[in-house]
Amino acid sequence: MLKNKTFSFIFAVLFVFCFASCDKHFVYDQYQQTNGTWEANNPFVFEYEALDTLTPYNYFINLRVNKDFPYNNLFLIVETELPSQKTLIDTVQYLMAAPDGELLGNGFSDVKESKLWFKEQVPFTEKGLHKIKISQAVRELGKVNGVQELKGITEVGFRIEKIDNND
């Protein structure tokens, strides 16, 4: 009996250790849920403190998308507000589905998770609170006005990873 408890305890410790050490580059990772649709006038805002100003970081936009997502591409407007109140604005496009309509990303169910590159090797130039504001900017072909309620996006996330040149 004691042997089984000892084995179970050692297995649990090794399990936790393995999964905790697998993501050593993780610095910031946060998700926010939608209500099933992503409204054009409802950006997702992520706030984080500047880290080491000498080390470069990679930025990712993480999305969880279900079968209700009706498009092959996704257009986003990403605003980065620095502590000095300077704002940088990027418009980015991501391929979300194969030509046959099958969603890209990881996952075995109807929900696929996509880790999308946003910026590479970005150093923090200012200390203090940084804000990332992510808005969807999807438009249907031939239409001027954007899609007001984008279906199929269940969660929007933002992730920062430290670059380790020793890997």
Protein backbone atom coordinates (compact mmCIF):
# COMPACT_ATOMS: atom_id res chain seq x y z
CA MET A 1 0.00 0.00 0.00
CA LEU A 2 2.76 2.42 0.95
CA LYS A 3 4.63 1.45 -2.21
CA ASN A 4 1.62 2.46 -4.37
CA LYS A 5 1.29 5.83 -2.61
CA THR A 6 5.00 6.52 -3.03
CA PHE A 7 4.84 5.58 -6.71
CA SER A 8 1.77 7.79 -7.22
CA PHE A 9 3.44 10.72 -5.50
CA ILE A 10 6.64 10.39 -7.56
CA PHE A 11 4.61 10.07 -10.77
CA ALA A 12 2.59 13.20 -9.91
CA VAL A 13 5.73 15.22 -9.15
CA LEU A 14 7.39 14.12 -12.40
CA PHE A 15 4.22 14.87 -14.36
CA VAL A 16 3.99 18.41 -12.98
CA PHE A 17 7.72 19.00 -13.44
CA CYS A 18 7.64 17.88 -17.07
CA PHE A 19 4.74 20.10 -18.02
CA ALA A 20 5.97 23.09 -16.02
CA SER A 21 9.40 22.96 -17.64
CA CYS A 22 8.10 22.52 -21.20
CA ASP A 23 7.17 26.18 -21.50
CA LYS A 24 10.27 27.92 -20.22
CA HIS A 25 9.93 30.77 -22.74
CA PHE A 26 6.50 31.82 -21.47
CA VAL A 27 6.47 35.36 -20.08
CA TYR A 28 2.86 36.49 -20.52
CA ASP A 29 -0.15 34.51 -21.72
CA GLN A 30 -3.74 35.60 -21.28
CA TYR A 31 -7.02 34.74 -23.00
CA GLN A 32 -10.36 36.53 -23.01
CA GLN A 33 -13.64 34.90 -23.99
CA THR A 34 -16.12 36.18 -26.52
CA ASN A 35 -19.85 35.60 -26.26
CA GLY A 36 -19.74 33.49 -29.43
CA THR A 37 -19.24 36.48 -31.71
CA TRP A 38 -16.55 39.14 -31.87
CA GLU A 39 -18.11 42.53 -32.33
CA ALA A 40 -16.19 45.01 -34.48
CA ASN A 41 -16.50 47.75 -31.86
CA ASN A 42 -15.33 45.47 -29.00
CA PRO A 43 -11.53 45.20 -28.97
CA PHE A 44 -9.73 42.92 -26.54
CA VAL A 45 -7.22 44.73 -24.33
CA PHE A 46 -4.21 43.08 -22.71
CA GLU A 47 -1.97 44.90 -20.22
CA TYR A 48 1.49 43.90 -19.08
CA GLU A 49 4.53 45.44 -17.46
CA ALA A 50 7.71 45.85 -19.48
CA LEU A 51 10.24 43.20 -18.73
CA ASP A 52 13.98 43.15 -19.30
CA THR A 53 14.78 46.00 -21.73
CA LEU A 54 17.86 44.20 -23.08
CA THR A 55 16.21 40.92 -24.06
CA PRO A 56 14.19 40.50 -27.27
CA TYR A 57 10.75 38.88 -27.12
CA ASN A 58 8.34 37.30 -29.60
CA TYR A 59 4.68 38.33 -29.60
CA PHE A 60 1.82 36.03 -30.58
CA ILE A 61 -1.91 36.42 -31.02
CA ASN A 62 -3.72 33.27 -29.91
CA LEU A 63 -7.18 32.44 -31.19
CA ARG A 64 -9.63 29.66 -30.44
CA VAL A 65 -12.00 29.26 -33.36
CA ASN A 66 -14.92 26.90 -33.90
CA LYS A 67 -16.74 25.58 -36.98
CA ASP A 68 -18.99 28.67 -37.06
CA PHE A 69 -16.08 30.80 -38.38
CA PRO A 70 -17.18 31.45 -41.99
CA TYR A 71 -14.01 32.87 -43.60
CA ASN A 72 -10.61 31.67 -44.80
CA ASN A 73 -8.80 34.81 -43.65
CA LEU A 74 -8.86 36.99 -40.59
CA PHE A 75 -7.89 40.66 -40.54
CA LEU A 76 -6.92 42.30 -37.25
CA ILE A 77 -5.94 45.78 -36.17
CA VAL A 78 -3.46 45.66 -33.31
CA GLU A 79 -2.67 48.79 -31.33
CA THR A 80 0.35 48.80 -29.04
CA GLU A 81 0.28 51.59 -26.47
CA LEU A 82 3.62 52.31 -24.81
CA PRO A 83 4.01 53.85 -21.34
CA SER A 84 4.88 57.19 -22.98
CA GLN A 85 1.36 57.13 -24.56
CA LYS A 86 2.88 56.58 -28.02
CA THR A 87 0.67 54.18 -30.01
CA LEU A 88 1.83 51.87 -32.79
CA ILE A 89 -0.87 50.48 -35.09
CA ASP A 90 -0.51 47.35 -37.22
CA THR A 91 -2.98 45.73 -39.60
CA VAL A 92 -2.36 42.00 -39.95
CA GLN A 93 -3.90 39.18 -41.95
CA TYR A 94 -3.91 35.51 -41.01
CA LEU A 95 -4.92 32.43 -42.96
CA MET A 96 -7.45 30.57 -40.80
CA ALA A 97 -8.76 27.83 -43.11
CA ALA A 98 -7.52 25.62 -45.93
CA PRO A 99 -8.98 26.07 -49.44
CA ASP A 100 -11.49 23.28 -48.70
CA GLY A 101 -12.77 25.22 -45.67
CA GLU A 102 -11.13 23.04 -43.00
CA LEU A 103 -9.98 25.19 -40.09
CA LEU A 104 -6.25 25.41 -39.51
CA GLY A 105 -4.77 25.15 -36.02
CA ASN A 106 -4.36 22.56 -33.30
CA GLY A 107 -7.13 20.54 -31.74
CA PHE A 108 -9.12 17.37 -32.21
CA SER A 109 -12.61 18.78 -31.71
CA ASP A 110 -14.57 21.48 -33.51
CA VAL A 111 -12.44 24.10 -31.73
CA LYS A 112 -9.04 24.85 -33.22
CA GLU A 113 -6.35 26.85 -31.47
CA SER A 114 -4.03 29.01 -33.56
CA LYS A 115 -0.82 30.58 -32.29
CA LEU A 116 -0.22 33.39 -34.77
CA TRP A 117 3.06 35.27 -35.07
CA PHE A 118 2.59 38.96 -34.45
CA LYS A 119 6.10 40.39 -33.96
CA GLU A 120 9.56 38.86 -33.73
CA GLN A 121 12.52 39.88 -31.59
CA VAL A 122 10.90 42.92 -30.03
CA PRO A 123 12.86 44.59 -27.22
CA PHE A 124 11.04 46.61 -24.58
CA THR A 125 12.21 50.17 -25.18
CA GLU A 126 10.23 51.65 -22.30
CA LYS A 127 9.61 50.49 -18.76
CA GLY A 128 6.08 50.61 -17.41
CA LEU A 129 2.60 49.49 -18.40
CA HIS A 130 2.12 48.41 -22.02
CA LYS A 131 -1.29 47.79 -23.62
CA ILE A 132 -2.20 45.70 -26.62
CA LYS A 133 -5.63 46.30 -28.15
CA ILE A 134 -6.80 43.73 -30.73
CA SER A 135 -9.81 44.47 -32.97
CA GLN A 136 -11.23 42.37 -35.77
CA ALA A 137 -11.44 44.09 -39.16
CA VAL A 138 -13.02 41.44 -41.38
CA ARG A 139 -14.83 42.57 -44.51
CA GLU A 140 -16.79 40.53 -46.99
CA LEU A 141 -15.61 40.55 -50.58
CA GLY A 142 -16.95 43.57 -52.47
CA LYS A 143 -18.44 45.25 -49.41
CA VAL A 144 -17.25 48.52 -47.89
CA ASN A 145 -18.53 48.07 -44.36
CA GLY A 146 -16.87 45.52 -42.13
CA VAL A 147 -18.48 42.51 -40.49
CA GLN A 148 -20.04 43.81 -37.29
CA GLU A 149 -20.43 40.43 -35.56
CA LEU A 150 -17.77 37.88 -36.45
CA LYS A 151 -18.97 34.38 -35.59
CA GLY A 152 -16.81 31.45 -34.57
CA ILE A 153 -14.12 33.17 -32.49
CA THR A 154 -14.50 31.81 -28.95
CA GLU A 155 -11.37 33.27 -27.33
CA VAL A 156 -8.72 35.85 -28.12
CA GLY A 157 -5.34 35.72 -26.45
CA PHE A 158 -2.01 37.47 -26.38
CA ARG A 159 1.31 35.80 -25.56
CA ILE A 160 4.87 37.00 -25.04
CA GLU A 161 7.80 34.59 -25.17
CA LYS A 162 11.38 35.26 -24.21
CA ILE A 163 13.92 34.41 -26.89
CA ASP A 164 16.62 32.09 -25.63
CA ASN A 165 19.55 31.84 -28.00
CA ASN A 166 20.87 28.82 -26.09
CA ASP A 167 18.17 26.49 -27.46
